[in-house]
Amino acid sequence: MADEMVSLTKGSRYRIESMETRERTKVTKGLFRGYATIGTDDAIVVELDDSHQELKGKLRLIPLHVVLADHVRLTTGGSRDARRGRR
């Protein structure tokens, strides 16, 4: 597995846990839309699902350096999806 390329698949549903503060995490659920760059930082772009209530359909950019874990909820097929946690 260490030599395998692992990637997120556009259009697949993920649950991403990231650092909100040093003591708290933030959970983001939704469709992976791709990557973005914010200044010199890369970010994951997620279209929020209905679990975020009034924010449903909005895009959330999560800087890669604050991602703690990502979980596959539903894949669209194609390449292998990420199924690992990072600490």
Foldseek 3Di string as FASTA:
>chain_A
DVPDDAAADAQFWKWWWFDPDPVDIDIFTAGFHAWDDDPNFIWTWGQGPCVVPPSHRPIDTGTPVGTFAMDTDGDPDDDHHDHDGHD
